Amino acid sequence: MSVPKPISVRLDDKGRLTLPRDVREALRAQPGDVFFIQPEEDGVRLVRAGNPFDALTAEAIQEDDAGETIALDDILKREGISIDE
């Protein structure tokens, strides 16, 4: 990701700031994304929150690739559960 040069933005009367297009593109920010704002001594730090489902998906794929998953049919059979009932 290329880091854009500092850009000035103005706070509106409702306390909102608009992220300029090149900043949104650099962050790959989409409408609805969540950001954390961390106050610092000389300003704020803005960090986009990660989607927890992305991490869960990556972990599930890794477990499946390693052969560490169990098919639902095998779990049902092991537990003596029939879905036909």
PDB file of N, CA and C in Angstrom:
ATOM      1  N   MET A   1       0.850  -1.169   0.000  1.00  0.00           N
ATOM      2  CA  MET A   1       0.000   0.000   0.000  1.00  0.00           C
ATOM      3  C   MET A   1       0.895   1.230   0.000  1.00  0.00           C
ATOM      4  N   SER A   2       0.632   2.132  -0.910  1.00  0.00           N
ATOM      5  CA  SER A   2       1.389   3.376  -0.894  1.00  0.00           C
ATOM      6  C   SER A   2       0.745   4.331   0.104  1.00  0.00           C
ATOM      7  N   VAL A   3       1.575   5.024   0.832  1.00  0.00           N
ATOM      8  CA  VAL A   3       1.074   5.950   1.853  1.00  0.00           C
ATOM      9  C   VAL A   3       0.955   7.330   1.241  1.00  0.00           C
ATOM     10  N   PRO A   4      -0.266   7.891   1.224  1.00  0.00           N
ATOM     11  CA  PRO A   4      -0.440   9.226   0.653  1.00  0.00           C
ATOM     12  C   PRO A   4       0.247  10.290   1.504  1.00  0.00           C
ATOM     13  N   LYS A   5       0.569  11.407   0.877  1.00  0.00           N
ATOM     14  CA  LYS A   5       1.137  12.544   1.593  1.00  0.00           C
ATOM     15  C   LYS A   5       0.066  13.139   2.498  1.00  0.00           C
ATOM     16  N   PRO A   6       0.464  13.845   3.549  1.00  0.00           N
ATOM     17  CA  PRO A   6      -0.531  14.477   4.434  1.00  0.00           C
ATOM     18  C   PRO A   6      -1.461  15.399   3.644  1.00  0.00           C
ATOM     19  N   ILE A   7      -2.725  15.337   3.973  1.00  0.00           N
ATOM     20  CA  ILE A   7      -3.754  16.143   3.325  1.00  0.00           C
ATOM     21  C   ILE A   7      -4.579  16.795   4.418  1.00  0.00           C
ATOM     22  N   SER A   8      -4.922  18.052   4.247  1.00  0.00           N
ATOM     23  CA  SER A   8      -5.757  18.696   5.261  1.00  0.00           C
ATOM     24  C   SER A   8      -7.228  18.439   4.948  1.00  0.00           C
ATOM     25  N   VAL A   9      -7.989  18.206   5.996  1.00  0.00           N
ATOM     26  CA  VAL A   9      -9.446  18.059   5.891  1.00  0.00           C
ATOM     27  C   VAL A   9     -10.060  18.934   6.970  1.00  0.00           C
ATOM     28  N   ARG A  10     -11.286  19.340   6.748  1.00  0.00           N
ATOM     29  CA  ARG A  10     -11.950  20.244   7.674  1.00  0.00           C
ATOM     30  C   ARG A  10     -13.062  19.502   8.425  1.00  0.00           C
ATOM     31  N   LEU A  11     -13.129  19.729   9.716  1.00  0.00           N
ATOM     32  CA  LEU A  11     -14.178  19.164  10.564  1.00  0.00           C
ATOM     33  C   LEU A  11     -15.476  19.907  10.271  1.00  0.00           C
ATOM     34  N   ASP A  12     -16.563  19.163   9.995  1.00  0.00           N
ATOM     35  CA  ASP A  12     -17.829  19.854   9.734  1.00  0.00           C
ATOM     36  C   ASP A  12     -18.575  20.144  11.035  1.00  0.00           C
ATOM     37  N   ASP A  13     -19.730  20.777  10.928  1.00  0.00           N
ATOM     38  CA  ASP A  13     -20.466  21.201  12.128  1.00  0.00           C
ATOM     39  C   ASP A  13     -21.019  20.049  12.946  1.00  0.00           C
ATOM     40  N   LYS A  14     -20.997  18.831  12.395  1.00  0.00           N
ATOM     41  CA  LYS A  14     -21.436  17.650  13.144  1.00  0.00           C
ATOM     42  C   LYS A  14     -20.249  16.847  13.669  1.00  0.00           C
ATOM     43  N   GLY A  15     -19.036  17.386  13.528  1.00  0.00           N
ATOM     44  CA  GLY A  15     -17.848  16.721  14.033  1.00  0.00           C
ATOM     45  C   GLY A  15     -17.291  15.652  13.120  1.00  0.00           C
ATOM     46  N   ARG A  16     -17.693  15.668  11.846  1.00  0.00           N
ATOM     47  CA  ARG A  16     -17.249  14.640  10.900  1.00  0.00           C
ATOM     48  C   ARG A  16     -16.071  15.118  10.070  1.00  0.00           C
ATOM     49  N   LEU A  17     -15.231  14.156   9.727  1.00  0.00           N
ATOM     50  CA  LEU A  17     -14.151  14.380   8.778  1.00  0.00           C
ATOM     51  C   LEU A  17     -14.407  13.465   7.585  1.00  0.00           C
ATOM     52  N   THR A  18     -14.085  13.928   6.406  1.00  0.00           N
ATOM     53  CA  THR A  18     -14.205  13.100   5.216  1.00  0.00           C
ATOM     54  C   THR A  18     -12.817  12.646   4.797  1.00  0.00           C
ATOM     55  N   LEU A  19     -12.656  11.339   4.626  1.00  0.00           N
ATOM     56  CA  LEU A  19     -11.377  10.822   4.140  1.00  0.00           C
ATOM     57  C   LEU A  19     -11.319  11.052   2.634  1.00  0.00           C
ATOM     58  N   PRO A  20     -10.290  11.735   2.163  1.00  0.00           N
ATOM     59  CA  PRO A  20     -10.178  11.958   0.721  1.00  0.00           C
ATOM     60  C   PRO A  20     -10.094  10.639  -0.046  1.00  0.00           C
ATOM     61  N   ARG A  21     -10.496  10.684  -1.302  1.00  0.00           N
ATOM     62  CA  ARG A  21     -10.564   9.482  -2.130  1.00  0.00           C
ATOM     63  C   ARG A  21      -9.232   8.722  -2.153  1.00  0.00           C
ATOM     64  N   ASP A  22      -8.102   9.425  -2.343  1.00  0.00           N
ATOM     65  CA  ASP A  22      -6.831   8.702  -2.436  1.00  0.00           C
ATOM     66  C   ASP A  22      -6.480   7.999  -1.127  1.00  0.00           C
ATOM     67  N   VAL A  23      -6.908   8.559   0.004  1.00  0.00           N
ATOM     68  CA  VAL A  23      -6.695   7.904   1.301  1.00  0.00           C
ATOM     69  C   VAL A  23      -7.586   6.670   1.396  1.00  0.00           C
ATOM     70  N   ARG A  24      -8.868   6.814   1.022  1.00  0.00           N
ATOM     71  CA  ARG A  24      -9.786   5.657   1.047  1.00  0.00           C
ATOM     72  C   ARG A  24      -9.269   4.546   0.133  1.00  0.00           C
ATOM     73  N   GLU A  25      -8.779   4.918  -1.041  1.00  0.00           N
ATOM     74  CA  GLU A  25      -8.261   3.905  -1.968  1.00  0.00           C
ATOM     75  C   GLU A  25      -7.011   3.239  -1.410  1.00  0.00           C
ATOM     76  N   ALA A  26      -6.109   4.018  -0.805  1.00  0.00           N
ATOM     77  CA  ALA A  26      -4.894   3.442  -0.227  1.00  0.00           C
ATOM     78  C   ALA A  26      -5.225   2.460   0.888  1.00  0.00           C
ATOM     79  N   LEU A  27      -6.279   2.763   1.660  1.00  0.00           N
ATOM     80  CA  LEU A  27      -6.702   1.886   2.760  1.00  0.00           C
ATOM     81  C   LEU A  27      -7.647   0.784   2.291  1.00  0.00           C
ATOM     82  N   ARG A  28      -8.052   0.866   1.034  1.00  0.00           N
ATOM     83  CA  ARG A  28      -9.090  -0.018   0.493  1.00  0.00           C
ATOM     84  C   ARG A  28     -10.342   0.038   1.364  1.00  0.00           C
ATOM     85  N   ALA A  29     -10.667   1.241   1.831  1.00  0.00           N
ATOM     86  CA  ALA A  29     -11.820   1.453   2.702  1.00  0.00           C
ATOM     87  C   ALA A  29     -13.110   1.442   1.882  1.00  0.00           C
ATOM     88  N   GLN A  30     -14.121   0.815   2.441  1.00  0.00           N
ATOM     89  CA  GLN A  30     -15.429   0.704   1.810  1.00  0.00           C
ATOM     90  C   GLN A  30     -16.494   1.282   2.739  1.00  0.00           C
ATOM     91  N   PRO A  31     -17.616   1.739   2.185  1.00  0.00           N
ATOM     92  CA  PRO A  31     -18.699   2.202   3.055  1.00  0.00           C
ATOM     93  C   PRO A  31     -19.070   1.115   4.066  1.00  0.00           C
ATOM     94  N   GLY A  32     -19.244   1.507   5.300  1.00  0.00           N
ATOM     95  CA  GLY A  32     -19.582   0.567   6.364  1.00  0.00           C
ATOM     96  C   GLY A  32     -18.378   0.041   7.131  1.00  0.00           C
ATOM     97  N   ASP A  33     -17.150   0.277   6.621  1.00  0.00           N
ATOM     98  CA  ASP A  33     -15.960  -0.144   7.359  1.00  0.00           C
ATOM     99  C   ASP A  33     -15.913   0.573   8.700  1.00  0.00           C
ATOM    100  N   VAL A  34     -15.370  -0.098   9.690  1.00  0.00           N
ATOM    101  CA  VAL A  34     -15.252   0.462  11.036  1.00  0.00           C
ATOM    102  C   VAL A  34     -13.802   0.868  11.266  1.00  0.00           C
ATOM    103  N   PHE A  35     -13.618   2.038  11.869  1.00  0.00           N
ATOM    104  CA  PHE A  35     -12.283   2.538  12.182  1.00  0.00           C
ATOM    105  C   PHE A  35     -12.182   2.797  13.673  1.00  0.00           C
ATOM    106  N   PHE A  36     -10.991   2.592  14.208  1.00  0.00           N
ATOM    107  CA  PHE A  36     -10.696   2.963  15.584  1.00  0.00           C
ATOM    108  C   PHE A  36      -9.932   4.278  15.546  1.00  0.00           C
ATOM    109  N   ILE A  37     -10.286   5.195  16.442  1.00  0.00           N
ATOM    110  CA  ILE A  37      -9.578   6.459  16.567  1.00  0.00           C
ATOM    111  C   ILE A  37      -8.892   6.456  17.919  1.00  0.00           C
ATOM    112  N   GLN A  38      -7.565   6.543  17.887  1.00  0.00           N
ATOM    113  CA  GLN A  38      -6.768   6.538  19.112  1.00  0.00           C
ATOM    114  C   GLN A  38      -6.190   7.924  19.339  1.00  0.00           C
ATOM    115  N   PRO A  39      -6.671   8.646  20.371  1.00  0.00           N
ATOM    116  CA  PRO A  39      -6.069   9.947  20.667  1.00  0.00           C
ATOM    117  C   PRO A  39      -4.599   9.778  21.039  1.00  0.00           C
ATOM    118  N   GLU A  40      -3.765  10.659  20.510  1.00  0.00           N
ATOM    119  CA  GLU A  40      -2.344  10.688  20.836  1.00  0.00           C
ATOM    120  C   GLU A  40      -1.977  12.098  21.252  1.00  0.00           C
ATOM    121  N   GLU A  41      -0.790  12.261  21.757  1.00  0.00           N
ATOM    122  CA  GLU A  41      -0.368  13.559  22.295  1.00  0.00           C
ATOM    123  C   GLU A  41      -0.510  14.699  21.285  1.00  0.00           C
ATOM    124  N   ASP A  42      -0.132  14.443  20.041  1.00  0.00           N
ATOM    125  CA  ASP A  42      -0.158  15.517  19.053  1.00  0.00           C
ATOM    126  C   ASP A  42      -1.206  15.315  17.962  1.00  0.00           C
ATOM    127  N   GLY A  43      -2.169  14.444  18.172  1.00  0.00           N
ATOM    128  CA  GLY A  43      -3.205  14.210  17.168  1.00  0.00           C
ATOM    129  C   GLY A  43      -3.962  12.938  17.458  1.00  0.00           C
ATOM    130  N   VAL A  44      -4.344  12.256  16.388  1.00  0.00           N
ATOM    131  CA  VAL A  44      -5.053  10.985  16.531  1.00  0.00           C
ATOM    132  C   VAL A  44      -4.462   9.981  15.553  1.00  0.00           C
ATOM    133  N   ARG A  45      -4.656   8.729  15.868  1.00  0.00           N
ATOM    134  CA  ARG A  45      -4.268   7.640  14.971  1.00  0.00           C
ATOM    135  C   ARG A  45      -5.552   6.971  14.517  1.00  0.00           C
ATOM    136  N   LEU A  46      -5.691   6.786  13.220  1.00  0.00           N
ATOM    137  CA  LEU A  46      -6.885   6.182  12.636  1.00  0.00           C
ATOM    138  C   LEU A  46      -6.509   4.819  12.081  1.00  0.00           C
ATOM    139  N   VAL A  47      -7.206   3.767  12.546  1.00  0.00           N
ATOM    140  CA  VAL A  47      -6.896   2.404  12.121  1.00  0.00           C
ATOM    141  C   VAL A  47      -8.192   1.711  11.734  1.00  0.00           C
ATOM    142  N   ARG A  48      -8.197   1.112  10.554  1.00  0.00           N
ATOM    143  CA  ARG A  48      -9.387   0.372  10.133  1.00  0.00           C
ATOM    144  C   ARG A  48      -9.452  -0.935  10.901  1.00  0.00           C
ATOM    145  N   ALA A  49     -10.621  -1.251  11.434  1.00  0.00           N
ATOM    146  CA  ALA A  49     -10.821  -2.503  12.172  1.00  0.00           C
ATOM    147  C   ALA A  49     -10.880  -3.659  11.182  1.00  0.00           C
ATOM    148  N   GLY A  50     -10.309  -4.779  11.574  1.00  0.00           N
ATOM    149  CA  GLY A  50     -10.370  -5.966  10.744  1.00  0.00           C
ATOM    150  C   GLY A  50     -11.698  -6.678  10.911  1.00  0.00           C
ATOM    151  N   ASN A  51     -12.079  -7.418   9.913  1.00  0.00           N
ATOM    152  CA  ASN A  51     -13.292  -8.224   9.964  1.00  0.00           C
ATOM    153  C   ASN A  51     -12.953  -9.539  10.666  1.00  0.00           C
ATOM    154  N   PRO A  52     -13.580  -9.836  11.809  1.00  0.00           N
ATOM    155  CA  PRO A  52     -13.233 -11.068  12.531  1.00  0.00           C
ATOM    156  C   PRO A  52     -13.528 -12.332  11.723  1.00  0.00           C
ATOM    157  N   PHE A  53     -14.456 -12.245  10.787  1.00  0.00           N
ATOM    158  CA  PHE A  53     -14.771 -13.419   9.976  1.00  0.00           C
ATOM    159  C   PHE A  53     -13.641 -13.742   9.007  1.00  0.00           C
ATOM    160  N   ASP A  54     -12.859 -12.727   8.596  1.00  0.00           N
ATOM    161  CA  ASP A  54     -11.699 -12.986   7.744  1.00  0.00           C
ATOM    162  C   ASP A  54     -10.692 -13.860   8.483  1.00  0.00           C
ATOM    163  N   ALA A  55     -10.454 -13.559   9.750  1.00  0.00           N
ATOM    164  CA  ALA A  55      -9.506 -14.351  10.545  1.00  0.00           C
ATOM    165  C   ALA A  55     -10.035 -15.767  10.753  1.00  0.00           C
ATOM    166  N   LEU A  56     -11.322 -15.909  11.026  1.00  0.00           N
ATOM    167  CA  LEU A  56     -11.908 -17.243  11.216  1.00  0.00           C
ATOM    168  C   LEU A  56     -11.841 -18.062   9.937  1.00  0.00           C
ATOM    169  N   THR A  57     -12.097 -17.409   8.814  1.00  0.00           N
ATOM    170  CA  THR A  57     -12.036 -18.101   7.524  1.00  0.00           C
ATOM    171  C   THR A  57     -10.625 -18.581   7.239  1.00  0.00           C
ATOM    172  N   ALA A  58      -9.642 -17.722   7.476  1.00  0.00           N
ATOM    173  CA  ALA A  58      -8.247 -18.097   7.238  1.00  0.00           C
ATOM    174  C   ALA A  58      -7.854 -19.282   8.112  1.00  0.00           C
ATOM    175  N   GLU A  59      -8.281 -19.273   9.369  1.00  0.00           N
ATOM    176  CA  GLU A  59      -7.965 -20.378  10.270  1.00  0.00           C
ATOM    177  C   GLU A  59      -8.635 -21.673   9.812  1.00  0.00           C
ATOM    178  N   ALA A  60      -9.887 -21.583   9.373  1.00  0.00           N
ATOM    179  CA  ALA A  60     -10.608 -22.774   8.915  1.00  0.00           C
ATOM    180  C   ALA A  60      -9.945 -23.363   7.675  1.00  0.00           C
ATOM    181  N   ILE A  61      -9.521 -22.513   6.758  1.00  0.00           N
ATOM    182  CA  ILE A  61      -8.845 -22.994   5.547  1.00  0.00           C
ATOM    183  C   ILE A  61      -7.528 -23.663   5.909  1.00  0.00           C
ATOM    184  N   GLN A  62      -6.803 -23.064   6.839  1.00  0.00           N
ATOM    185  CA  GLN A  62      -5.525 -23.637   7.278  1.00  0.00           C
ATOM    186  C   GLN A  62      -5.741 -25.014   7.918  1.00  0.00           C
ATOM    187  N   GLU A  63      -6.761 -25.140   8.768  1.00  0.00           N
ATOM    188  CA  GLU A  63      -7.052 -26.427   9.402  1.00  0.00           C
ATOM    189  C   GLU A  63      -7.470 -27.470   8.367  1.00  0.00           C
ATOM    190  N   ASP A  64      -8.272 -27.049   7.387  1.00  0.00           N
ATOM    191  CA  ASP A  64      -8.705 -27.985   6.357  1.00  0.00           C
ATOM    192  C   ASP A  64      -7.518 -28.440   5.512  1.00  0.00           C
ATOM    193  N   ASP A  65      -6.659 -27.500   5.138  1.00  0.00           N
ATOM    194  CA  ASP A  65      -5.470 -27.852   4.356  1.00  0.00           C
ATOM    195  C   ASP A  65      -4.565 -28.813   5.117  1.00  0.00           C
ATOM    196  N   ALA A  66      -4.532 -28.703   6.447  1.00  0.00           N
ATOM    197  CA  ALA A  66      -3.693 -29.580   7.276  1.00  0.00           C
ATOM    198  C   ALA A  66      -4.389 -30.902   7.599  1.00  0.00           C
ATOM    199  N   GLY A  67      -5.612 -31.084   7.111  1.00  0.00           N
ATOM    200  CA  GLY A  67      -6.346 -32.322   7.372  1.00  0.00           C
ATOM    201  C   GLY A  67      -6.882 -32.415   8.783  1.00  0.00           C
ATOM    202  N   GLU A  68      -7.092 -31.280   9.425  1.00  0.00           N
ATOM    203  CA  GLU A  68      -7.529 -31.262  10.827  1.00  0.00           C
ATOM    204  C   GLU A  68      -9.033 -31.049  10.988  1.00  0.00           C
ATOM    205  N   THR A  69      -9.778 -31.184   9.902  1.00  0.00           N
ATOM    206  CA  THR A  69     -11.225 -30.994  10.003  1.00  0.00           C
ATOM    207  C   THR A  69     -11.936 -32.349   9.967  1.00  0.00           C
ATOM    208  N   ILE A  70     -13.173 -32.353  10.436  1.00  0.00           N
ATOM    209  CA  ILE A  70     -13.982 -33.569  10.462  1.00  0.00           C
ATOM    210  C   ILE A  70     -15.278 -33.267   9.712  1.00  0.00           C
ATOM    211  N   ALA A  71     -15.663 -34.156   8.816  1.00  0.00           N
ATOM    212  CA  ALA A  71     -16.893 -33.980   8.059  1.00  0.00           C
ATOM    213  C   ALA A  71     -18.097 -34.082   9.000  1.00  0.00           C
ATOM    214  N   LEU A  72     -19.130 -33.327   8.719  1.00  0.00           N
ATOM    215  CA  LEU A  72     -20.332 -33.330   9.544  1.00  0.00           C
ATOM    216  C   LEU A  72     -20.936 -34.735   9.623  1.00  0.00           C
ATOM    217  N   ASP A  73     -20.937 -35.464   8.522  1.00  0.00           N
ATOM    218  CA  ASP A  73     -21.461 -36.839   8.532  1.00  0.00           C
ATOM    219  C   ASP A  73     -20.702 -37.716   9.523  1.00  0.00           C
ATOM    220  N   ASP A  74     -19.387 -37.533   9.609  1.00  0.00           N
ATOM    221  CA  ASP A  74     -18.581 -38.314  10.551  1.00  0.00           C
ATOM    222  C   ASP A  74     -18.911 -37.960  11.999  1.00  0.00           C
ATOM    223  N   ILE A  75     -19.152 -36.697  12.270  1.00  0.00           N
ATOM    224  CA  ILE A  75     -19.520 -36.271  13.629  1.00  0.00           C
ATOM    225  C   ILE A  75     -20.874 -36.860  14.003  1.00  0.00           C
ATOM    226  N   LEU A  76     -21.839 -36.783  13.093  1.00  0.00           N
ATOM    227  CA  LEU A  76     -23.172 -37.338  13.364  1.00  0.00           C
ATOM    228  C   LEU A  76     -23.094 -38.835  13.635  1.00  0.00           C
ATOM    229  N   LYS A  77     -22.315 -39.534  12.819  1.00  0.00           N
ATOM    230  CA  LYS A  77     -22.169 -40.987  12.993  1.00  0.00           C
ATOM    231  C   LYS A  77     -21.527 -41.293  14.341  1.00  0.00           C
ATOM    232  N   ARG A  78     -20.457 -40.552  14.689  1.00  0.00           N
ATOM    233  CA  ARG A  78     -19.755 -40.762  15.960  1.00  0.00           C
ATOM    234  C   ARG A  78     -20.679 -40.526  17.149  1.00  0.00           C
ATOM    235  N   GLU A  79     -21.555 -39.541  17.042  1.00  0.00           N
ATOM    236  CA  GLU A  79     -22.454 -39.190  18.139  1.00  0.00           C
ATOM    237  C   GLU A  79     -23.763 -39.984  18.103  1.00  0.00           C
ATOM    238  N   GLY A  80     -23.923 -40.816  17.084  1.00  0.00           N
ATOM    239  CA  GLY A  80     -25.139 -41.617  16.976  1.00  0.00           C
ATOM    240  C   GLY A  80     -26.368 -40.810  16.640  1.00  0.00           C
ATOM    241  N   ILE A  81     -26.192 -39.751  15.871  1.00  0.00           N
ATOM    242  CA  ILE A  81     -27.288 -38.858  15.501  1.00  0.00           C
ATOM    243  C   ILE A  81     -27.661 -39.131  14.051  1.00  0.00           C
ATOM    244  N   SER A  82     -28.955 -39.271  13.813  1.00  0.00           N
ATOM    245  CA  SER A  82     -29.452 -39.462  12.463  1.00  0.00           C
ATOM    246  C   SER A  82     -30.283 -38.235  12.085  1.00  0.00           C
ATOM    247  N   ILE A  83     -30.005 -37.657  10.943  1.00  0.00           N
ATOM    248  CA  ILE A  83     -30.793 -36.497  10.526  1.00  0.00           C
ATOM    249  C   ILE A  83     -32.051 -36.920   9.771  1.00  0.00           C
ATOM    250  N   ASP A  84     -32.221 -38.226   9.571  1.00  0.00           N
ATOM    251  CA  ASP A  84     -33.398 -38.741   8.881  1.00  0.00           C
ATOM    252  C   ASP A  84     -34.594 -38.867   9.795  1.00  0.00           C
ATOM    253  N   GLU A  85     -34.366 -38.750  11.103  1.00  0.00           N
ATOM    254  CA  GLU A  85     -35.456 -38.928  12.070  1.00  0.00           C
ATOM    255  C   GLU A  85     -36.325 -37.722  12.174  1.00  0.00           C
TER     256      GLU A  85
END
